[in-house]
Protein backbone atom coordinates (compact mmCIF):
# COMPACT_ATOMS: atom_id res chain seq x y z
CA UNK A 1 46.36 70.64 109.24
CA UNK A 2 43.84 72.50 107.25
CA UNK A 3 41.60 74.36 109.91
CA UNK A 4 39.26 75.40 107.29
CA UNK A 5 36.01 72.92 107.87
CA UNK A 6 35.05 72.91 104.22
CA UNK A 7 33.01 69.29 104.98
CA UNK A 8 34.97 66.38 103.68
CA UNK A 9 34.39 62.58 104.54
CA UNK A 10 36.13 60.04 106.27
CA UNK A 11 36.03 56.40 106.92
CA UNK A 12 37.06 53.87 110.05
CA UNK A 13 40.84 52.91 111.08
CA UNK A 14 42.04 50.96 108.32
CA UNK A 15 39.62 50.01 105.74
CA UNK A 16 37.92 52.31 103.51
CA UNK A 17 33.95 52.46 104.48
CA UNK A 18 31.38 51.06 102.32
CA UNK A 19 29.98 53.38 99.47
CA UNK A 20 27.29 55.43 100.84
CA UNK A 21 23.66 55.72 99.66
CA UNK A 22 23.23 58.50 97.37
CA UNK A 23 19.49 58.29 97.35
CA UNK A 24 18.41 58.87 100.67
CA UNK A 25 16.43 61.78 101.34
CA UNK A 26 17.71 65.19 101.28
CA UNK A 27 16.33 65.50 105.07
CA UNK A 28 18.64 62.12 105.92
CA UNK A 29 21.83 63.92 104.50
CA UNK A 30 21.53 67.61 105.57
CA UNK A 31 21.45 65.48 109.16
CA UNK A 32 24.18 64.04 108.43
CA UNK A 33 25.89 67.01 107.08
CA UNK A 34 25.11 68.76 110.59
CA UNK A 35 26.69 65.72 112.45
CA UNK A 36 29.32 65.55 110.35
CA UNK A 37 29.98 69.04 111.27
CA UNK A 38 29.42 69.15 114.75
CA UNK A 39 31.96 66.15 114.96
CA UNK A 40 34.48 68.48 112.99
CA UNK A 41 33.87 70.94 115.26
CA UNK A 42 34.57 68.84 118.30
CA UNK A 43 37.54 67.67 116.85
CA UNK A 44 38.97 70.86 116.01
CA UNK A 45 38.62 72.33 119.46
CA UNK A 46 40.75 69.28 120.81
CA UNK A 47 43.14 69.78 118.63
CA UNK A 48 43.55 73.46 119.67
CA UNK A 49 44.29 72.30 123.17
CA UNK A 50 46.60 69.43 122.12
CA UNK A 51 44.01 66.82 123.37
CA UNK A 52 45.40 64.86 120.75
CA UNK A 53 43.33 61.20 121.95
CA UNK A 54 40.19 63.37 122.10
CA UNK A 55 40.68 65.10 118.73
CA UNK A 56 41.63 61.75 116.78
CA UNK A 57 38.43 59.93 118.50
CA UNK A 58 36.33 63.28 117.19
CA UNK A 59 37.76 62.59 113.73
CA UNK A 60 37.27 58.73 113.56
CA UNK A 61 32.67 59.59 114.45
CA UNK A 62 33.36 61.50 111.63
CA UNK A 63 34.46 58.66 109.27
CA UNK A 64 31.87 56.75 111.20
CA UNK A 65 29.22 59.01 109.77
CA UNK A 66 30.45 59.50 106.33
CA UNK A 67 33.41 57.51 105.05
CA UNK A 68 34.19 58.74 101.91
CA UNK A 69 35.88 62.04 102.44
CA UNK A 70 39.57 61.80 102.74
CA UNK A 71 40.23 65.13 104.95
CA UNK A 72 39.65 63.02 108.54
CA UNK A 73 42.16 60.42 107.55
CA UNK A 74 44.07 63.40 106.58
CA UNK A 75 43.84 65.79 109.99
CA UNK A 76 44.04 62.04 112.10
CA UNK A 77 47.37 62.09 110.23
CA UNK A 78 48.57 65.33 111.16
CA UNK A 79 47.32 64.47 115.21
CA UNK A 80 50.00 62.08 114.78
CA UNK A 81 52.66 63.53 112.80
CA UNK A 82 52.67 66.59 115.52
CA UNK A 83 53.39 63.78 118.70
CA UNK A 84 56.14 62.94 116.11
CA UNK A 85 54.49 59.45 115.79
CA UNK A 86 56.05 58.52 112.15
CA UNK A 87 54.31 55.25 111.94
CA UNK A 88 50.64 56.02 112.79
CA UNK A 89 50.57 59.29 110.75
CA UNK A 90 52.01 57.70 107.45
CA UNK A 91 49.21 54.99 108.21
CA UNK A 92 46.66 57.49 108.21
CA UNK A 93 47.94 59.88 105.36
CA UNK A 94 48.20 56.45 103.03
CA UNK A 95 44.42 55.92 104.16
CA UNK A 96 43.57 59.72 103.11
CA UNK A 97 45.49 59.03 99.79
CA UNK A 98 43.61 55.83 99.21
CA UNK A 99 40.57 58.02 99.96
CA UNK A 100 41.17 60.67 97.06
CA UNK A 101 43.28 63.02 99.23
CA UNK A 102 45.38 64.47 96.24
CA UNK A 103 47.07 67.59 97.62
CA UNK A 104 50.57 67.53 97.42
CA UNK A 105 51.62 70.92 97.66
CA UNK A 106 49.57 71.02 100.66
CA UNK A 107 51.24 67.44 102.24
CA UNK A 108 54.52 68.91 101.65
CA UNK A 109 54.25 72.15 102.94
CA UNK A 110 52.33 71.75 105.93
CA UNK A 111 54.16 72.13 109.47
CA UNK A 112 52.04 69.24 111.27
CA UNK A 113 54.58 66.91 109.56
CA UNK A 114 57.49 68.33 110.71
CA UNK A 115 58.47 65.91 113.25
CA UNK A 116 58.12 62.67 110.73
CA UNK A 117 58.87 64.68 107.60
CA UNK A 118 62.16 62.73 107.02
CA UNK A 119 60.74 59.13 108.36
CA UNK A 120 60.77 56.35 105.92
CA UNK A 121 56.90 56.01 106.10
CA UNK A 122 56.05 59.60 105.43
CA UNK A 123 58.47 59.68 102.16
CA UNK A 124 56.60 56.63 101.04
CA UNK A 125 53.42 58.71 101.41
CA UNK A 126 54.83 60.87 99.22
CA UNK A 127 55.71 58.49 96.58
CA UNK A 128 51.88 57.32 96.99
CA UNK A 129 50.59 60.03 96.23
CA UNK A 130 52.81 61.60 93.20
CA UNK A 131 51.83 58.21 91.67
CA UNK A 132 47.78 58.38 92.95
CA UNK A 133 48.10 61.95 90.82
CA UNK A 134 49.57 60.60 87.71
CA UNK A 135 46.99 57.59 87.55
CA UNK A 136 44.33 59.76 88.50
CA UNK A 137 44.23 62.68 87.44
CA UNK A 138 41.43 65.54 87.99
CA UNK A 139 38.57 65.12 85.20
CA UNK A 140 38.18 67.18 82.41
CA UNK A 141 35.07 68.19 80.71
CA UNK A 142 34.28 65.36 77.97
CA UNK A 143 32.51 65.80 74.40
CA UNK A 144 30.36 62.52 74.53
CA UNK A 145 28.70 61.26 71.16
CA UNK A 146 24.69 63.37 71.15
CA UNK A 147 23.79 61.05 68.31
CA UNK A 148 23.45 58.15 70.75
CA UNK A 149 21.51 60.07 73.26
CA UNK A 150 17.77 59.70 73.79
CA UNK A 151 15.22 62.19 72.75
CA UNK A 152 13.52 64.63 75.00
CA UNK A 153 9.90 66.09 74.38
CA UNK A 154 11.60 69.75 75.28
CA UNK A 155 14.30 71.73 76.18
CA UNK A 156 12.03 72.68 79.63
CA UNK A 157 11.87 69.09 80.45
CA UNK A 158 15.25 68.03 79.53
CA UNK A 159 16.68 71.15 81.99
CA UNK A 160 13.99 70.15 84.77
CA UNK A 161 15.52 66.59 84.57
CA UNK A 162 18.85 67.63 85.39
CA UNK A 163 18.13 70.45 87.40
CA UNK A 164 16.85 67.71 89.73
CA UNK A 165 19.76 65.67 89.31
CA UNK A 166 22.10 68.87 89.93
CA UNK A 167 19.75 69.51 93.43
CA UNK A 168 20.41 65.69 94.77
CA UNK A 169 24.03 66.25 94.12
CA UNK A 170 23.98 69.43 95.93
CA UNK A 171 22.57 67.94 99.00
CA UNK A 172 26.16 66.13 99.17
CA UNK A 173 28.06 68.93 98.81
CA UNK A 174 28.89 68.92 102.15
CA UNK A 175 30.12 65.50 102.68
CA UNK A 176 31.88 64.85 99.44
CA UNK A 177 35.34 65.99 99.17
CA UNK A 178 35.98 68.36 95.98
CA UNK A 179 37.73 65.48 93.75
CA UNK A 180 34.62 63.41 94.29
CA UNK A 181 32.30 66.50 93.74
CA UNK A 182 33.89 67.24 90.57
CA UNK A 183 33.73 63.56 89.31
CA UNK A 184 30.07 62.92 90.21
CA UNK A 185 29.08 66.74 88.70
CA UNK A 186 31.30 66.63 85.61
CA UNK A 187 30.05 62.88 84.51
CA UNK A 188 26.47 64.96 84.46
CA UNK A 189 27.58 68.30 82.83
CA UNK A 190 28.99 66.11 79.80
CA UNK A 191 25.93 64.45 79.63
CA UNK A 192 23.83 67.04 79.71
CA UNK A 193 25.39 68.86 77.24
CA UNK A 194 25.36 65.55 75.08
CA UNK A 195 21.75 65.46 75.55
CA UNK A 196 21.23 68.92 75.11
CA UNK A 197 23.02 68.89 71.68
CA UNK A 198 20.89 65.99 70.41
CA UNK A 199 17.75 67.88 71.32
CA UNK A 200 19.32 70.85 68.95
CA UNK A 201 19.85 68.66 66.57
CA UNK A 202 16.45 67.52 65.97
CA UNK A 203 14.68 70.61 67.20
CA UNK A 204 16.79 73.76 66.18
CA UNK A 205 14.22 75.80 64.58
CA UNK A 206 11.53 75.00 68.12
CA UNK A 207 10.53 77.94 70.31
CA UNK A 208 12.49 76.96 73.03
CA UNK A 209 15.53 75.82 71.00
CA UNK A 210 17.31 78.85 72.45
CA UNK A 211 16.68 77.63 75.83
CA UNK A 212 18.64 74.36 75.18
CA UNK A 213 21.19 76.42 73.73
CA UNK A 214 21.66 78.60 77.01
CA UNK A 215 21.61 75.48 78.80
CA UNK A 216 24.94 74.21 77.14
CA UNK A 217 26.38 77.38 77.67
CA UNK A 218 25.21 77.23 81.82
CA UNK A 219 26.62 73.84 81.68
CA UNK A 220 29.82 74.77 80.44
CA UNK A 221 30.06 77.81 83.03
CA UNK A 222 29.86 75.27 85.64
CA UNK A 223 32.88 73.67 85.28
CA UNK A 224 34.65 76.82 84.90
CA UNK A 225 33.27 77.92 88.31
CA UNK A 226 34.90 74.52 89.57
CA UNK A 227 38.50 75.57 88.35
CA UNK A 228 40.31 77.10 90.75
CA UNK A 229 42.81 80.04 89.57
CA UNK A 230 45.36 80.01 92.16
CA UNK A 231 45.98 76.49 91.74
CA UNK A 232 48.36 75.35 89.34
CA UNK A 233 46.88 71.90 89.05
CA UNK A 234 43.61 73.55 87.62
CA UNK A 235 45.36 75.43 84.82
CA UNK A 236 44.06 72.67 82.33
CA UNK A 237 40.53 73.21 84.00
CA UNK A 238 40.28 76.59 83.47
CA UNK A 239 41.54 77.06 79.44
CA UNK A 240 39.05 74.17 78.67
CA UNK A 241 36.36 75.22 80.55
CA UNK A 242 36.77 78.95 79.78
CA UNK A 243 37.40 77.75 75.83
CA UNK A 244 33.96 75.57 76.15
CA UNK A 245 32.44 78.43 77.24
CA UNK A 246 33.46 80.71 74.30
CA UNK A 247 32.97 78.45 71.99
CA UNK A 248 29.18 77.63 72.93
CA UNK A 249 28.12 81.50 73.69
CA UNK A 250 29.40 82.15 69.85
CA UNK A 251 27.10 79.33 68.66
CA UNK A 252 24.16 80.72 70.75
CA UNK A 253 25.06 84.62 69.10
CA UNK A 254 24.96 83.14 65.67
CA UNK A 255 21.97 80.82 65.91
CA UNK A 256 19.68 82.94 68.57
CA UNK A 257 20.79 86.77 68.12
CA UNK A 258 17.20 87.66 68.79
CA UNK A 259 17.06 85.50 72.01
CA UNK A 260 16.28 87.80 75.43
CA UNK A 261 18.69 85.30 76.77
CA UNK A 262 21.44 87.29 74.55
CA UNK A 263 22.59 89.27 77.26
CA UNK A 264 23.23 86.80 80.00
CA UNK A 265 25.08 84.94 77.37
CA UNK A 266 27.21 87.80 76.64
CA UNK A 267 27.50 88.31 80.46
CA UNK A 268 28.92 84.90 80.77
CA UNK A 269 31.29 85.08 77.71
CA UNK A 270 32.83 88.31 79.36
CA UNK A 271 33.26 86.39 82.45
CA UNK A 272 34.92 83.54 80.96
CA UNK A 273 36.98 85.91 79.24
CA UNK A 274 38.06 87.32 82.45
CA UNK A 275 38.81 84.16 84.25
CA UNK A 276 40.56 82.93 81.67
CA UNK A 277 43.14 86.00 80.98
CA UNK A 278 42.52 85.81 77.28
CA UNK A 279 41.31 89.41 76.98
CA UNK A 280 43.56 92.63 77.69
CA UNK A 281 41.99 94.77 80.25
CA UNK A 282 40.51 97.56 77.88
CA UNK A 283 38.85 95.13 75.45
CA UNK A 284 37.23 93.67 78.85
CA UNK A 285 36.42 96.70 79.82
CA UNK A 286 34.67 97.75 76.51
CA UNK A 287 32.79 94.56 76.64
CA UNK A 288 31.65 94.67 80.46
CA UNK A 289 30.12 98.89 79.26
CA UNK A 290 29.04 97.28 75.92
CA UNK A 291 27.09 94.37 77.68
CA UNK A 292 25.32 97.22 80.07
CA UNK A 293 24.29 99.64 77.57
CA UNK A 294 22.70 97.10 75.31
CA UNK A 295 20.74 95.65 77.99
CA UNK A 296 19.97 98.56 80.18
CA UNK A 297 16.57 97.69 81.09
CA UNK A 298 16.85 94.06 82.41
CA UNK A 299 19.04 92.67 84.98
CA UNK A 300 21.85 92.22 82.99
CA UNK A 301 22.40 96.02 82.59
CA UNK A 302 23.70 96.18 86.39
CA UNK A 303 24.96 93.12 86.74
CA UNK A 304 27.48 94.02 83.97
CA UNK A 305 28.50 97.16 85.47
CA UNK A 306 29.08 95.48 89.21
CA UNK A 307 31.52 92.93 87.28
CA UNK A 308 33.05 95.77 85.42
CA UNK A 309 33.84 97.80 88.71
CA UNK A 310 34.84 94.61 90.59
CA UNK A 311 37.29 93.67 87.96
CA UNK A 312 38.58 97.50 87.67
CA UNK A 313 39.17 97.15 91.53
CA UNK A 314 41.13 93.94 90.81
CA UNK A 315 43.52 95.38 88.24
CA UNK A 316 43.82 98.69 89.87
CA UNK A 317 41.86 100.89 87.37
CA UNK A 318 41.25 103.68 89.68
CA UNK A 319 40.50 106.20 87.17
CA UNK A 320 38.02 104.38 85.01
CA UNK A 321 36.57 102.75 88.30
CA UNK A 322 35.62 105.92 90.11
CA UNK A 323 33.66 107.22 86.41
CA UNK A 324 32.14 103.85 86.40
CA UNK A 325 31.34 102.92 90.23
CA UNK A 326 29.30 106.65 89.66
CA UNK A 327 27.73 105.26 86.93
CA UNK A 328 26.70 102.12 88.38
CA UNK A 329 25.40 104.23 91.76
CA UNK A 330 23.49 106.86 89.70
CA UNK A 331 21.57 104.24 87.30
CA UNK A 332 20.99 101.28 89.30
CA UNK A 333 22.10 102.45 93.16
CA UNK A 334 18.88 101.63 94.53
CA UNK A 335 17.74 98.50 92.68
CA UNK A 336 18.13 95.38 95.07
CA UNK A 337 20.74 94.01 92.57
CA UNK A 338 22.97 96.47 93.60
CA UNK A 339 22.35 96.31 97.07
CA UNK A 340 22.80 92.75 96.92
CA UNK A 341 26.26 92.94 95.08
CA UNK A 342 28.07 93.78 98.40
CA UNK A 343 30.75 90.29 97.64
CA UNK A 344 31.41 91.60 94.12
CA UNK A 345 31.52 94.92 95.13
CA UNK A 346 33.18 95.48 98.45
CA UNK A 347 36.96 96.21 97.03
CA UNK A 348 35.41 98.57 94.73
CA UNK A 349 33.66 100.25 97.21
CA UNK A 350 36.50 100.34 99.56
CA UNK A 351 38.68 102.27 97.31
CA UNK A 352 36.40 104.86 95.85
CA UNK A 353 34.38 105.58 99.27
CA UNK A 354 37.56 104.55 101.74
CA UNK A 355 37.31 102.96 104.77
CA UNK A 356 34.10 103.49 107.57
CA UNK A 357 34.47 105.01 110.66
CA UNK A 358 36.37 102.55 113.46
CA UNK A 359 33.21 102.52 115.68
CA UNK A 360 31.39 100.83 112.69
CA UNK A 361 34.42 98.17 112.22
CA UNK A 362 33.71 97.29 115.90
CA UNK A 363 36.92 98.41 116.64
CA UNK A 364 36.60 101.31 119.20
CA UNK A 365 39.08 103.65 120.67
CA UNK A 366 39.29 101.47 124.17
CA UNK A 367 39.75 98.03 122.19
CA UNK A 368 42.42 99.70 120.07
CA UNK A 369 44.04 100.86 123.13
CA UNK A 370 43.31 97.49 124.94
CA UNK A 371 45.48 96.25 122.32
CA UNK A 372 48.20 98.08 122.02
CA UNK A 373 47.59 99.70 118.74
CA UNK A 374 47.63 103.44 119.02
CA UNK A 375 51.20 104.58 119.01
CA UNK A 376 51.75 104.61 115.46
CA UNK A 377 49.74 105.72 112.48
CA UNK A 378 49.50 102.75 110.12
CA UNK A 379 46.88 100.42 110.36
CA UNK A 380 46.81 97.50 108.60
CA UNK A 381 43.48 95.92 108.90
CA UNK A 382 42.86 91.74 107.91
CA UNK A 383 39.49 90.77 107.54
CA UNK A 384 39.58 87.13 106.71
CA UNK A 385 36.73 84.19 106.83
CA UNK A 386 39.51 81.54 105.89
CA UNK A 387 42.41 80.76 108.27
CA UNK A 388 44.24 79.50 105.50
CA UNK A 389 44.37 83.07 104.10
CA UNK A 390 46.04 84.26 107.17
CA UNK A 391 48.60 80.87 107.43
CA UNK A 392 49.64 82.19 103.78
CA UNK A 393 49.23 85.88 103.72
CA UNK A 394 49.91 87.36 107.47
CA UNK A 395 53.38 86.12 108.60
CA UNK A 396 54.65 87.61 105.17
CA UNK A 397 52.55 90.89 104.92
CA UNK A 398 53.95 91.44 108.72
CA UNK A 399 57.88 90.26 107.98
CA UNK A 400 57.41 93.35 104.96
CA UNK A 401 55.97 95.62 107.13
CA UNK A 402 58.45 95.39 110.07
CA UNK A 403 61.41 95.95 107.10
CA UNK A 404 59.79 99.41 106.55
CA UNK A 405 58.81 99.94 109.72
CA UNK A 406 61.46 98.14 112.10
CA UNK A 407 59.74 99.53 115.15
CA UNK A 408 56.83 96.93 114.69
CA UNK A 409 53.41 97.00 112.73
CA UNK A 410 50.26 97.79 114.37
CA UNK A 411 47.71 95.17 113.03
CA UNK A 412 44.29 94.53 113.88
CA UNK A 413 42.93 90.91 113.00
CA UNK A 414 38.83 90.92 112.50
CA UNK A 415 37.59 87.02 112.13
CA UNK A 416 34.71 86.96 110.46
CA UNK A 417 33.38 83.55 111.55
CA UNK A 418 30.53 81.65 110.61
CA UNK A 419 30.00 79.57 113.61
CA UNK A 420 28.76 76.56 112.10
CA UNK A 421 31.49 76.23 109.89
CA UNK A 422 34.89 77.63 111.13
CA UNK A 423 36.68 77.11 114.06
CA UNK A 424 36.55 80.38 115.79
CA UNK A 425 38.91 79.36 118.76
CA UNK A 426 41.65 78.16 116.14
CA UNK A 427 41.73 80.84 114.04
CA UNK A 428 41.35 83.76 116.70
CA UNK A 429 44.69 81.53 118.37
CA UNK A 430 46.65 81.10 115.40
CA UNK A 431 46.57 84.94 114.34
CA UNK A 432 47.08 85.81 118.36
CA UNK A 433 50.44 84.39 117.35
CA UNK A 434 50.85 86.51 114.79
CA UNK A 435 49.23 89.70 115.30
CA UNK A 436 49.99 92.29 117.91
CA UNK A 437 45.90 92.85 118.14
CA UNK A 438 42.73 90.44 117.25
CA UNK A 439 39.64 91.39 117.31
CA UNK A 440 36.74 88.55 117.00
CA UNK A 441 33.27 89.87 114.83
CA UNK A 442 31.11 87.33 115.55
CA UNK A 443 28.84 85.96 113.34
CA UNK A 444 29.78 88.57 110.88
CA UNK A 445 28.21 91.37 112.84
CA UNK A 446 29.11 95.13 111.86
CA UNK A 447 32.15 94.46 110.18
CA UNK A 448 30.26 92.29 107.55
CA UNK A 449 27.57 95.15 107.47
CA UNK A 450 29.47 98.22 107.01
CA UNK A 451 31.77 96.58 104.55
CA UNK A 452 29.13 94.05 102.60
CA UNK A 453 31.91 90.94 102.98
CA UNK A 454 30.95 87.66 102.52
CA UNK A 455 33.44 85.17 102.81
CA UNK A 456 36.12 87.36 101.33
CA UNK A 457 38.88 87.08 102.74
CA UNK A 458 40.65 90.90 102.53
CA UNK A 459 43.51 93.13 103.62
CA UNK A 460 42.81 96.41 103.90
CA UNK A 461 46.17 99.07 104.28
CA UNK A 462 44.83 102.15 105.69
CA UNK A 463 46.19 105.59 107.63
CA UNK A 464 44.27 106.56 110.97
CA UNK A 465 42.13 108.77 109.62
CA UNK A 466 40.24 105.72 107.51
CA UNK A 467 41.47 106.57 104.06
CA UNK A 468 42.35 103.39 102.07
CA UNK A 469 45.67 103.41 100.34
CA UNK A 470 45.34 99.36 99.37
CA UNK A 471 43.24 96.42 99.43
CA UNK A 472 44.29 92.86 99.09
CA UNK A 473 48.07 94.71 98.16
CA UNK A 474 50.94 92.06 96.44
CA UNK A 475 54.57 92.91 98.64
CA UNK A 476 55.17 95.95 95.97
CA UNK A 477 52.11 97.78 96.78
CA UNK A 478 52.15 97.12 100.41
CA UNK A 479 55.75 98.57 100.78
CA UNK A 480 54.83 101.82 98.69
CA UNK A 481 51.89 102.20 100.82
CA UNK A 482 54.01 101.78 104.28
CA UNK A 483 56.61 104.38 102.76
CA UNK A 484 53.65 106.58 101.88
CA UNK A 485 52.35 106.24 105.45
CA UNK A 486 55.79 107.07 107.23
CA UNK A 487 55.94 110.25 104.71
CA UNK A 488 52.47 111.73 106.73
CA UNK A 489 53.02 110.19 110.22
CA UNK A 490 53.96 113.44 111.59
CA UNK A 491 51.08 114.87 110.34
CA UNK A 492 48.96 112.71 112.85
CA UNK A 493 48.34 114.50 116.19
CA UNK A 494 49.35 112.33 119.22
CA UNK A 495 47.01 109.90 120.68
CA UNK A 496 45.62 110.82 124.90
CA UNK A 497 44.62 108.22 127.12
CA UNK A 498 41.31 108.13 128.27
C-alpha cells in the first residue's frame, strides 16, 4: 500500500461515483479536501492497527466525499489483499483501474498483495491494468492550431483569464489523482499556448508582446514540472516538455532580447536543460554563472546562483561548490531570497558547512543512549517526509552498511511529518522495524529549522563529530563512506554513561 497521503479520489462499492461539480465555490472545495484528508488519516490509523473493517469503512467514506480518485479503491484492495481475500481484493483493484489507476510497477511490487498475487483475479487485474495503460497513455503537450483561436484585447487580459482557470483547477489538486490533474491541466495549457501564439501573430510588435511570449515559456515549463524524472513512464513527457521550453525560450531571445524578462527566460532555459540532461555539467554550470553575472541586480542573479549550488551538490562537484557557495553567501547571503532558498540549498549547505550539532537536531545524548546508538562511530541519519522513500531506500542502505560493518549499523531516523498530510504512526511503525533508533520531530520542529528541509527526503552519512561525508549517497558512495569511517573509528573516544 502507498502510505503517502497526496490526496486522491474514491467511489462507492461496485459502481463509479457520478462526476463531481468543478464549479463549486473554493471554500466548499477546501472543506471537501479537509474532510477527504481526515477520512484518509482515520483509514490509515486503522490500517496500521490491522483493523481491516474499520479501515475499509473509512476509505469508503472517502469515496463518498469524492469518488473520482482511484487511490481509495486501491487502498481497499490492499486491505483485502493483506487478509488473503483474493476475490474482494481483485474487485476493488479492478475498480481502481477503472477510476484511473495506472501505476503497474507499484502494483507488481506492493507486498500487500503477496497473499493473493498468484490468484486468477489478481492476474486478471494486472492484464486489465496493462491494457488500460496501452489504451489510455499519459497525456503529452499538443500543438493546437492557433489560427482558429479567438483574439484577445491584451496579453494581460489573456494571461489573467487563464490564471483564474488555473487557480480554480488548483483548488481541486488535493482531490484529483495525478493522472486526472494532468489531463485537465494539459488541456488548459495547450489552449493557453495556442491563444498566446495567435495574439503574437496579430500583435507581435505590441508593448506587452514580450509578456505574451513569456506566457508561452511559462506554460511549457508547467508541463516540465509535471514530469517525474525518476519515473520511466514520464521519459517522453520530460523530453517533450524540455524541448518545448527550449524552443520557446530561444524564440523569446531572438525577438525580445531587450525585454526585462530575459533573465527569467535564461534561468528557465537552464533549468530545462538540467532536468532533461541535454547539457554537459560544465556547460550548465557556466550558463548559471553567466545568468547570475548578467542579471546581478534583479532576483534572477541570486536565484541562478542558488540553482548552480544545488546542481553542483547534486553532481558532487565539491571544489566548485565551495567557491560558488562562498560567492552566493558574500553577495546575497543577507537577502530574503537566499534565506528562503533552504529547500534548494539544503544539500549544498550540508556538504559545505557540515552537520549541525546534535542538540539542534533534537537528538540529544540521552535519546541516543536510550536507543542504543552510542556504540560505534558511524551515524546514518535518515531524514524523510515521505514513507515511500524509507520503504524503497532504507532496507538497501542497512543491508549494504551491515556488509561493511558486520556488527550492525547505528541508525537515526528523523521523521519530519506534517500531521495534516502524513500518517505519522504509519511511518514510525514501519521504520521502527528496520532501524535501531527512531526519532520523530513533530511538524518539522527543530530539525526543519536547522537543516532548512521542506519535504526533501534525505540520507546523511556523518561521523560522530558531525562531519558530513555524503548526502543522498548512491550505494558506491555509501560503501566508500563506511570504509572511511572504519579507518578513523579508533580515533573516537569511548562514550561514558550518564
